[in-house]
Structure formats: C-alpha cells, structure tokens
Amino acid sequence: MTRGIGWAIVYADLTTGQLSNHFIAEHANGNVAGFAPILVMDVWEHAYMVDHRASGRGKYIEAFMKNIDWEQVSNRFDDAQKGIMTKRF
C-alpha cells in the first residue's frame, strides 16, 4: 500500500534461495539481475482504474491478493531453485 506507481515483485535470489520484495517504478530500472520473479503485481493506475476508479488502489490490491494461485507461486519458487524457467502460459 505504499505510495507510488510501478510493480511490486517478489523475487527469488537464485544464489541464496531467499525471497525478497522489490518495488519497480520504471520499466528500465529495478529488474534485479540473477533474481527470478515469483509474483508480480501491477500497481500502475491502468491496472485498476476501470474496475476500481483512480482512488480504488486498495480495493484492487485486496482483490489481487484474494486471487493469487499460491500453488502456482510455490511451483515458480521451486522451479527457480532448480534453475528451471516456469512456463507462463
């Protein structure tokens, strides 16, 4: 719920196997080399304005969190630790 635009990303550090949270405010900055994205939430206004209006960011985040497929997130983390790129589609 921090102020700002961009993406909130949970990355797996492939060196340590640990997870870390990052906030990416621009397309070209913040992508962590050597880390694998495990869960990405788009928090640019275009992601929620149609359904929740410009002031509905909190409701959008609540809906996003309720709809996470945690089994898939766990699979991505497991795959990252094995050096496997998870298929996206």
PDB file of N, CA and C in Angstrom:
ATOM      1  N   MET A   1       0.817  -1.199   0.000  1.00  0.00           N
ATOM      2  CA  MET A   1       0.000   0.000   0.000  1.00  0.00           C
ATOM      3  C   MET A   1       0.863   1.267   0.000  1.00  0.00           C
ATOM      4  N   THR A   2       2.150   1.145  -0.327  1.00  0.00           N
ATOM      5  CA  THR A   2       2.994   2.322  -0.387  1.00  0.00           C
ATOM      6  C   THR A   2       2.568   3.220  -1.533  1.00  0.00           C
ATOM      7  N   ARG A   3       2.892   4.473  -1.403  1.00  0.00           N
ATOM      8  CA  ARG A   3       2.557   5.432  -2.442  1.00  0.00           C
ATOM      9  C   ARG A   3       3.526   5.249  -3.597  1.00  0.00           C
ATOM     10  N   GLY A   4       3.038   5.328  -4.787  1.00  0.00           N
ATOM     11  CA  GLY A   4       3.897   5.218  -5.950  1.00  0.00           C
ATOM     12  C   GLY A   4       3.240   4.398  -7.045  1.00  0.00           C
ATOM     13  N   ILE A   5       3.910   4.354  -8.179  1.00  0.00           N
ATOM     14  CA  ILE A   5       3.423   3.603  -9.326  1.00  0.00           C
ATOM     15  C   ILE A   5       4.488   2.588  -9.723  1.00  0.00           C
ATOM     16  N   GLY A   6       4.075   1.593 -10.449  1.00  0.00           N
ATOM     17  CA  GLY A   6       5.027   0.602 -10.931  1.00  0.00           C
ATOM     18  C   GLY A   6       4.561  -0.809 -10.658  1.00  0.00           C
ATOM     19  N   TRP A   7       5.486  -1.642 -10.222  1.00  0.00           N
ATOM     20  CA  TRP A   7       5.197  -3.043  -9.936  1.00  0.00           C
ATOM     21  C   TRP A   7       5.751  -3.408  -8.577  1.00  0.00           C
ATOM     22  N   ALA A   8       5.041  -4.259  -7.885  1.00  0.00           N
ATOM     23  CA  ALA A   8       5.549  -4.874  -6.666  1.00  0.00           C
ATOM     24  C   ALA A   8       5.899  -6.307  -7.061  1.00  0.00           C
ATOM     25  N   ILE A   9       7.144  -6.696  -6.815  1.00  0.00           N
ATOM     26  CA  ILE A   9       7.613  -8.002  -7.279  1.00  0.00           C
ATOM     27  C   ILE A   9       8.275  -8.759  -6.138  1.00  0.00           C
ATOM     28  N   VAL A  10       7.894 -10.019  -6.006  1.00  0.00           N
ATOM     29  CA  VAL A  10       8.596 -10.930  -5.111  1.00  0.00           C
ATOM     30  C   VAL A  10       9.579 -11.695  -5.997  1.00  0.00           C
ATOM     31  N   TYR A  11      10.850 -11.552  -5.693  1.00  0.00           N
ATOM     32  CA  TYR A  11      11.900 -12.235  -6.445  1.00  0.00           C
ATOM     33  C   TYR A  11      12.505 -13.350  -5.608  1.00  0.00           C
ATOM     34  N   ALA A  12      12.980 -14.388  -6.297  1.00  0.00           N
ATOM     35  CA  ALA A  12      13.806 -15.414  -5.662  1.00  0.00           C
ATOM     36  C   ALA A  12      15.255 -15.101  -6.003  1.00  0.00           C
ATOM     37  N   ASP A  13      16.081 -14.995  -4.989  1.00  0.00           N
ATOM     38  CA  ASP A  13      17.520 -14.827  -5.179  1.00  0.00           C
ATOM     39  C   ASP A  13      18.079 -16.215  -5.465  1.00  0.00           C
ATOM     40  N   LEU A  14      18.529 -16.430  -6.688  1.00  0.00           N
ATOM     41  CA  LEU A  14      18.963 -17.757  -7.088  1.00  0.00           C
ATOM     42  C   LEU A  14      20.273 -18.175  -6.437  1.00  0.00           C
ATOM     43  N   THR A  15      20.980 -17.234  -5.837  1.00  0.00           N
ATOM     44  CA  THR A  15      22.221 -17.565  -5.136  1.00  0.00           C
ATOM     45  C   THR A  15      21.947 -18.085  -3.733  1.00  0.00           C
ATOM     46  N   THR A  16      21.029 -17.426  -3.026  1.00  0.00           N
ATOM     47  CA  THR A  16      20.762 -17.788  -1.626  1.00  0.00           C
ATOM     48  C   THR A  16      19.500 -18.618  -1.451  1.00  0.00           C
ATOM     49  N   GLY A  17      18.608 -18.589  -2.444  1.00  0.00           N
ATOM     50  CA  GLY A  17      17.327 -19.282  -2.334  1.00  0.00           C
ATOM     51  C   GLY A  17      16.296 -18.511  -1.530  1.00  0.00           C
ATOM     52  N   GLN A  18      16.628 -17.297  -1.139  1.00  0.00           N
ATOM     53  CA  GLN A  18      15.695 -16.494  -0.345  1.00  0.00           C
ATOM     54  C   GLN A  18      14.804 -15.642  -1.236  1.00  0.00           C
ATOM     55  N   LEU A  19      13.655 -15.249  -0.681  1.00  0.00           N
ATOM     56  CA  LEU A  19      12.740 -14.344  -1.364  1.00  0.00           C
ATOM     57  C   LEU A  19      12.981 -12.921  -0.907  1.00  0.00           C
ATOM     58  N   SER A  20      12.752 -11.963  -1.806  1.00  0.00           N
ATOM     59  CA  SER A  20      12.854 -10.555  -1.426  1.00  0.00           C
ATOM     60  C   SER A  20      11.815  -9.755  -2.199  1.00  0.00           C
ATOM     61  N   ASN A  21      11.318  -8.703  -1.571  1.00  0.00           N
ATOM     62  CA  ASN A  21      10.309  -7.830  -2.159  1.00  0.00           C
ATOM     63  C   ASN A  21      10.974  -6.616  -2.767  1.00  0.00           C
ATOM     64  N   HIS A  22      10.491  -6.213  -3.953  1.00  0.00           N
ATOM     65  CA  HIS A  22      11.039  -5.046  -4.635  1.00  0.00           C
ATOM     66  C   HIS A  22       9.899  -4.230  -5.215  1.00  0.00           C
ATOM     67  N   PHE A  23      10.091  -2.918  -5.260  1.00  0.00           N
ATOM     68  CA  PHE A  23       9.137  -2.030  -5.903  1.00  0.00           C
ATOM     69  C   PHE A  23       9.833  -1.417  -7.102  1.00  0.00           C
ATOM     70  N   ILE A  24       9.302  -1.651  -8.271  1.00  0.00           N
ATOM     71  CA  ILE A  24       9.906  -1.198  -9.521  1.00  0.00           C
ATOM     72  C   ILE A  24       9.066  -0.041 -10.055  1.00  0.00           C
ATOM     73  N   ALA A  25       9.658   1.139 -10.116  1.00  0.00           N
ATOM     74  CA  ALA A  25       8.903   2.323 -10.501  1.00  0.00           C
ATOM     75  C   ALA A  25       9.025   2.660 -11.988  1.00  0.00           C
ATOM     76  N   GLU A  26      10.016   2.121 -12.673  1.00  0.00           N
ATOM     77  CA  GLU A  26      10.191   2.415 -14.092  1.00  0.00           C
ATOM     78  C   GLU A  26      10.538   1.135 -14.837  1.00  0.00           C
ATOM     79  N   HIS A  27      10.149   1.081 -16.101  1.00  0.00           N
ATOM     80  CA  HIS A  27      10.378  -0.122 -16.904  1.00  0.00           C
ATOM     81  C   HIS A  27      11.847  -0.526 -16.937  1.00  0.00           C
ATOM     82  N   ALA A  28      12.719   0.440 -17.078  1.00  0.00           N
ATOM     83  CA  ALA A  28      14.129   0.145 -17.299  1.00  0.00           C
ATOM     84  C   ALA A  28      14.952  -0.004 -16.024  1.00  0.00           C
ATOM     85  N   ASN A  29      14.380   0.322 -14.890  1.00  0.00           N
ATOM     86  CA  ASN A  29      15.145   0.290 -13.637  1.00  0.00           C
ATOM     87  C   ASN A  29      14.514  -0.674 -12.647  1.00  0.00           C
ATOM     88  N   GLY A  30      15.342  -1.392 -11.924  1.00  0.00           N
ATOM     89  CA  GLY A  30      14.843  -2.205 -10.832  1.00  0.00           C
ATOM     90  C   GLY A  30      14.755  -3.687 -11.091  1.00  0.00           C
ATOM     91  N   ASN A  31      14.920  -4.118 -12.341  1.00  0.00           N
ATOM     92  CA  ASN A  31      14.923  -5.549 -12.604  1.00  0.00           C
ATOM     93  C   ASN A  31      16.232  -6.103 -12.062  1.00  0.00           C
ATOM     94  N   VAL A  32      16.148  -6.998 -11.099  1.00  0.00           N
ATOM     95  CA  VAL A  32      17.326  -7.457 -10.375  1.00  0.00           C
ATOM     96  C   VAL A  32      17.987  -8.606 -11.133  1.00  0.00           C
ATOM     97  N   ALA A  33      19.203  -8.376 -11.604  1.00  0.00           N
ATOM     98  CA  ALA A  33      19.939  -9.399 -12.349  1.00  0.00           C
ATOM     99  C   ALA A  33      20.196 -10.613 -11.466  1.00  0.00           C
ATOM    100  N   GLY A  34      19.952 -11.790 -12.011  1.00  0.00           N
ATOM    101  CA  GLY A  34      20.198 -13.016 -11.289  1.00  0.00           C
ATOM    102  C   GLY A  34      19.068 -13.435 -10.370  1.00  0.00           C
ATOM    103  N   PHE A  35      18.027 -12.650 -10.285  1.00  0.00           N
ATOM    104  CA  PHE A  35      16.866 -12.983  -9.463  1.00  0.00           C
ATOM    105  C   PHE A  35      15.727 -13.419 -10.390  1.00  0.00           C
ATOM    106  N   ALA A  36      14.881 -14.323  -9.923  1.00  0.00           N
ATOM    107  CA  ALA A  36      13.736 -14.791 -10.713  1.00  0.00           C
ATOM    108  C   ALA A  36      12.448 -14.226 -10.136  1.00  0.00           C
ATOM    109  N   PRO A  37      11.612 -13.575 -10.969  1.00  0.00           N
ATOM    110  CA  PRO A  37      10.337 -13.076 -10.458  1.00  0.00           C
ATOM    111  C   PRO A  37       9.411 -14.241 -10.122  1.00  0.00           C
ATOM    112  N   ILE A  38       8.845 -14.206  -8.925  1.00  0.00           N
ATOM    113  CA  ILE A  38       7.967 -15.268  -8.459  1.00  0.00           C
ATOM    114  C   ILE A  38       6.504 -14.810  -8.477  1.00  0.00           C
ATOM    115  N   LEU A  39       6.276 -13.555  -8.108  1.00  0.00           N
ATOM    116  CA  LEU A  39       4.930 -12.982  -8.096  1.00  0.00           C
ATOM    117  C   LEU A  39       5.049 -11.500  -8.433  1.00  0.00           C
ATOM    118  N   VAL A  40       4.259 -11.056  -9.402  1.00  0.00           N
ATOM    119  CA  VAL A  40       4.317  -9.663  -9.851  1.00  0.00           C
ATOM    120  C   VAL A  40       2.923  -9.054  -9.768  1.00  0.00           C
ATOM    121  N   MET A  41       2.844  -7.889  -9.128  1.00  0.00           N
ATOM    122  CA  MET A  41       1.583  -7.153  -9.075  1.00  0.00           C
ATOM    123  C   MET A  41       1.782  -5.801  -9.750  1.00  0.00           C
ATOM    124  N   ASP A  42       0.987  -5.549 -10.762  1.00  0.00           N
ATOM    125  CA  ASP A  42       0.998  -4.278 -11.477  1.00  0.00           C
ATOM    126  C   ASP A  42       0.227  -3.263 -10.642  1.00  0.00           C
ATOM    127  N   VAL A  43       0.869  -2.200 -10.218  1.00  0.00           N
ATOM    128  CA  VAL A  43       0.183  -1.161  -9.459  1.00  0.00           C
ATOM    129  C   VAL A  43       0.166   0.187 -10.187  1.00  0.00           C
ATOM    130  N   TRP A  44       0.329   0.127 -11.500  1.00  0.00           N
ATOM    131  CA  TRP A  44       0.083   1.311 -12.302  1.00  0.00           C
ATOM    132  C   TRP A  44      -1.431   1.532 -12.329  1.00  0.00           C
ATOM    133  N   GLU A  45      -1.856   2.772 -12.466  1.00  0.00           N
ATOM    134  CA  GLU A  45      -3.288   3.077 -12.433  1.00  0.00           C
ATOM    135  C   GLU A  45      -4.090   2.329 -13.492  1.00  0.00           C
ATOM    136  N   HIS A  46      -3.488   2.050 -14.650  1.00  0.00           N
ATOM    137  CA  HIS A  46      -4.254   1.351 -15.702  1.00  0.00           C
ATOM    138  C   HIS A  46      -4.702  -0.040 -15.254  1.00  0.00           C
ATOM    139  N   ALA A  47      -4.029  -0.593 -14.258  1.00  0.00           N
ATOM    140  CA  ALA A  47      -4.362  -1.940 -13.788  1.00  0.00           C
ATOM    141  C   ALA A  47      -5.676  -1.972 -13.010  1.00  0.00           C
ATOM    142  N   TYR A  48      -6.062  -0.858 -12.428  1.00  0.00           N
ATOM    143  CA  TYR A  48      -7.248  -0.879 -11.564  1.00  0.00           C
ATOM    144  C   TYR A  48      -8.288   0.196 -11.856  1.00  0.00           C
ATOM    145  N   MET A  49      -7.989   1.171 -12.701  1.00  0.00           N
ATOM    146  CA  MET A  49      -8.919   2.289 -12.912  1.00  0.00           C
ATOM    147  C   MET A  49     -10.272   1.866 -13.463  1.00  0.00           C
ATOM    148  N   VAL A  50     -10.302   0.930 -14.375  1.00  0.00           N
ATOM    149  CA  VAL A  50     -11.566   0.544 -14.999  1.00  0.00           C
ATOM    150  C   VAL A  50     -12.497  -0.099 -13.971  1.00  0.00           C
ATOM    151  N   ASP A  51     -11.966  -0.990 -13.168  1.00  0.00           N
ATOM    152  CA  ASP A  51     -12.793  -1.703 -12.194  1.00  0.00           C
ATOM    153  C   ASP A  51     -12.959  -0.968 -10.870  1.00  0.00           C
ATOM    154  N   HIS A  52     -11.960  -0.197 -10.465  1.00  0.00           N
ATOM    155  CA  HIS A  52     -11.966   0.384  -9.116  1.00  0.00           C
ATOM    156  C   HIS A  52     -11.792   1.899  -9.076  1.00  0.00           C
ATOM    157  N   ARG A  53     -11.775   2.552 -10.212  1.00  0.00           N
ATOM    158  CA  ARG A  53     -11.551   4.001 -10.314  1.00  0.00           C
ATOM    159  C   ARG A  53     -10.149   4.375  -9.834  1.00  0.00           C
ATOM    160  N   ALA A  54      -9.764   5.599 -10.046  1.00  0.00           N
ATOM    161  CA  ALA A  54      -8.415   6.047  -9.691  1.00  0.00           C
ATOM    162  C   ALA A  54      -8.144   5.957  -8.197  1.00  0.00           C
ATOM    163  N   SER A  55      -9.181   6.065  -7.393  1.00  0.00           N
ATOM    164  CA  SER A  55      -8.999   6.022  -5.939  1.00  0.00           C
ATOM    165  C   SER A  55      -9.141   4.607  -5.367  1.00  0.00           C
ATOM    166  N   GLY A  56      -9.285   3.602  -6.230  1.00  0.00           N
ATOM    167  CA  GLY A  56      -9.562   2.252  -5.761  1.00  0.00           C
ATOM    168  C   GLY A  56      -8.370   1.324  -5.652  1.00  0.00           C
ATOM    169  N   ARG A  57      -7.208   1.888  -5.494  1.00  0.00           N
ATOM    170  CA  ARG A  57      -5.998   1.063  -5.422  1.00  0.00           C
ATOM    171  C   ARG A  57      -6.067   0.021  -4.294  1.00  0.00           C
ATOM    172  N   GLY A  58      -6.541   0.417  -3.133  1.00  0.00           N
ATOM    173  CA  GLY A  58      -6.635  -0.507  -2.007  1.00  0.00           C
ATOM    174  C   GLY A  58      -7.542  -1.688  -2.306  1.00  0.00           C
ATOM    175  N   LYS A  59      -8.689  -1.409  -2.932  1.00  0.00           N
ATOM    176  CA  LYS A  59      -9.614  -2.486  -3.290  1.00  0.00           C
ATOM    177  C   LYS A  59      -9.008  -3.399  -4.348  1.00  0.00           C
ATOM    178  N   TYR A  60      -8.274  -2.813  -5.272  1.00  0.00           N
ATOM    179  CA  TYR A  60      -7.581  -3.602  -6.298  1.00  0.00           C
ATOM    180  C   TYR A  60      -6.566  -4.541  -5.644  1.00  0.00           C
ATOM    181  N   ILE A  61      -5.784  -4.030  -4.706  1.00  0.00           N
ATOM    182  CA  ILE A  61      -4.779  -4.858  -4.029  1.00  0.00           C
ATOM    183  C   ILE A  61      -5.453  -5.980  -3.247  1.00  0.00           C
ATOM    184  N   GLU A  62      -6.551  -5.676  -2.568  1.00  0.00           N
ATOM    185  CA  GLU A  62      -7.299  -6.723  -1.848  1.00  0.00           C
ATOM    186  C   GLU A  62      -7.766  -7.812  -2.815  1.00  0.00           C
ATOM    187  N   ALA A  63      -8.327  -7.410  -3.950  1.00  0.00           N
ATOM    188  CA  ALA A  63      -8.813  -8.378  -4.940  1.00  0.00           C
ATOM    189  C   ALA A  63      -7.653  -9.191  -5.507  1.00  0.00           C
ATOM    190  N   PHE A  64      -6.544  -8.538  -5.770  1.00  0.00           N
ATOM    191  CA  PHE A  64      -5.359  -9.232  -6.280  1.00  0.00           C
ATOM    192  C   PHE A  64      -4.916 -10.311  -5.291  1.00  0.00           C
ATOM    193  N   MET A  65      -4.813  -9.943  -4.027  1.00  0.00           N
ATOM    194  CA  MET A  65      -4.344 -10.886  -3.006  1.00  0.00           C
ATOM    195  C   MET A  65      -5.301 -12.070  -2.847  1.00  0.00           C
ATOM    196  N   LYS A  66      -6.592 -11.831  -2.984  1.00  0.00           N
ATOM    197  CA  LYS A  66      -7.577 -12.916  -2.863  1.00  0.00           C
ATOM    198  C   LYS A  66      -7.517 -13.886  -4.046  1.00  0.00           C
ATOM    199  N   ASN A  67      -6.979 -13.433  -5.171  1.00  0.00           N
ATOM    200  CA  ASN A  67      -6.985 -14.243  -6.386  1.00  0.00           C
ATOM    201  C   ASN A  67      -5.639 -14.858  -6.732  1.00  0.00           C
ATOM    202  N   ILE A  68      -4.684 -14.795  -5.837  1.00  0.00           N
ATOM    203  CA  ILE A  68      -3.374 -15.403  -6.104  1.00  0.00           C
ATOM    204  C   ILE A  68      -3.501 -16.921  -6.037  1.00  0.00           C
ATOM    205  N   ASP A  69      -2.957 -17.583  -7.021  1.00  0.00           N
ATOM    206  CA  ASP A  69      -2.888 -19.041  -7.026  1.00  0.00           C
ATOM    207  C   ASP A  69      -1.577 -19.417  -6.314  1.00  0.00           C
ATOM    208  N   TRP A  70      -1.658 -19.633  -5.001  1.00  0.00           N
ATOM    209  CA  TRP A  70      -0.458 -19.865  -4.194  1.00  0.00           C
ATOM    210  C   TRP A  70       0.272 -21.145  -4.591  1.00  0.00           C
ATOM    211  N   GLU A  71      -0.459 -22.116  -5.116  1.00  0.00           N
ATOM    212  CA  GLU A  71       0.200 -23.334  -5.591  1.00  0.00           C
ATOM    213  C   GLU A  71       1.119 -23.009  -6.775  1.00  0.00           C
ATOM    214  N   GLN A  72       0.637 -22.161  -7.681  1.00  0.00           N
ATOM    215  CA  GLN A  72       1.456 -21.749  -8.822  1.00  0.00           C
ATOM    216  C   GLN A  72       2.667 -20.933  -8.363  1.00  0.00           C
ATOM    217  N   VAL A  73       2.460 -20.055  -7.398  1.00  0.00           N
ATOM    218  CA  VAL A  73       3.570 -19.264  -6.858  1.00  0.00           C
ATOM    219  C   VAL A  73       4.620 -20.202  -6.255  1.00  0.00           C
ATOM    220  N   SER A  74       4.175 -21.188  -5.515  1.00  0.00           N
ATOM    221  CA  SER A  74       5.089 -22.163  -4.921  1.00  0.00           C
ATOM    222  C   SER A  74       5.836 -22.941  -6.002  1.00  0.00           C
ATOM    223  N   ASN A  75       5.133 -23.310  -7.073  1.00  0.00           N
ATOM    224  CA  ASN A  75       5.783 -24.011  -8.182  1.00  0.00           C
ATOM    225  C   ASN A  75       6.861 -23.151  -8.833  1.00  0.00           C
ATOM    226  N   ARG A  76       6.580 -21.858  -9.006  1.00  0.00           N
ATOM    227  CA  ARG A  76       7.584 -20.952  -9.580  1.00  0.00           C
ATOM    228  C   ARG A  76       8.827 -20.883  -8.701  1.00  0.00           C
ATOM    229  N   PHE A  77       8.602 -20.813  -7.390  1.00  0.00           N
ATOM    230  CA  PHE A  77       9.730 -20.754  -6.460  1.00  0.00           C
ATOM    231  C   PHE A  77      10.539 -22.047  -6.520  1.00  0.00           C
ATOM    232  N   ASP A  78       9.856 -23.177  -6.523  1.00  0.00           N
ATOM    233  CA  ASP A  78      10.545 -24.468  -6.622  1.00  0.00           C
ATOM    234  C   ASP A  78      11.336 -24.567  -7.917  1.00  0.00           C
ATOM    235  N   ASP A  79      10.709 -24.171  -9.034  1.00  0.00           N
ATOM    236  CA  ASP A  79      11.391 -24.201 -10.323  1.00  0.00           C
ATOM    237  C   ASP A  79      12.616 -23.295 -10.329  1.00  0.00           C
ATOM    238  N   ALA A  80      12.481 -22.100  -9.761  1.00  0.00           N
ATOM    239  CA  ALA A  80      13.611 -21.154  -9.733  1.00  0.00           C
ATOM    240  C   ALA A  80      14.788 -21.758  -8.976  1.00  0.00           C
ATOM    241  N   GLN A  81      14.514 -22.433  -7.885  1.00  0.00           N
ATOM    242  CA  GLN A  81      15.588 -23.045  -7.106  1.00  0.00           C
ATOM    243  C   GLN A  81      16.283 -24.170  -7.873  1.00  0.00           C
ATOM    244  N   LYS A  82      15.563 -24.775  -8.822  1.00  0.00           N
ATOM    245  CA  LYS A  82      16.135 -25.846  -9.648  1.00  0.00           C
ATOM    246  C   LYS A  82      16.752 -25.321 -10.935  1.00  0.00           C
ATOM    247  N   GLY A  83      16.630 -23.981 -11.157  1.00  0.00           N
ATOM    248  CA  GLY A  83      17.159 -23.379 -12.374  1.00  0.00           C
ATOM    249  C   GLY A  83      16.249 -23.589 -13.585  1.00  0.00           C
ATOM    250  N   ILE A  84      14.977 -23.863 -13.325  1.00  0.00           N
ATOM    251  CA  ILE A  84      14.006 -24.090 -14.388  1.00  0.00           C
ATOM    252  C   ILE A  84      13.164 -22.830 -14.578  1.00  0.00           C
ATOM    253  N   MET A  85      12.985 -22.414 -15.824  1.00  0.00           N
ATOM    254  CA  MET A  85      12.116 -21.280 -16.127  1.00  0.00           C
ATOM    255  C   MET A  85      10.686 -21.798 -16.233  1.00  0.00           C
ATOM    256  N   THR A  86       9.802 -21.343 -15.377  1.00  0.00           N
ATOM    257  CA  THR A  86       8.404 -21.780 -15.373  1.00  0.00           C
ATOM    258  C   THR A  86       7.717 -21.297 -16.638  1.00  0.00           C
ATOM    259  N   LYS A  87       6.959 -22.185 -17.280  1.00  0.00           N
ATOM    260  CA  LYS A  87       6.170 -21.789 -18.437  1.00  0.00           C
ATOM    261  C   LYS A  87       5.093 -20.823 -17.992  1.00  0.00           C
ATOM    262  N   ARG A  88       4.877 -19.783 -18.745  1.00  0.00           N
ATOM    263  CA  ARG A  88       3.929 -18.744 -18.347  1.00  0.00           C
ATOM    264  C   ARG A  88       2.530 -19.008 -18.858  1.00  0.00           C
ATOM    265  N   PHE A  89       2.388 -19.752 -19.925  1.00  0.00           N
ATOM    266  CA  PHE A  89       1.057 -19.987 -20.498  1.00  0.00           C
ATOM    267  C   PHE A  89       0.870 -21.454 -20.776  1.00  0.00           C
TER     268      PHE A  89
END
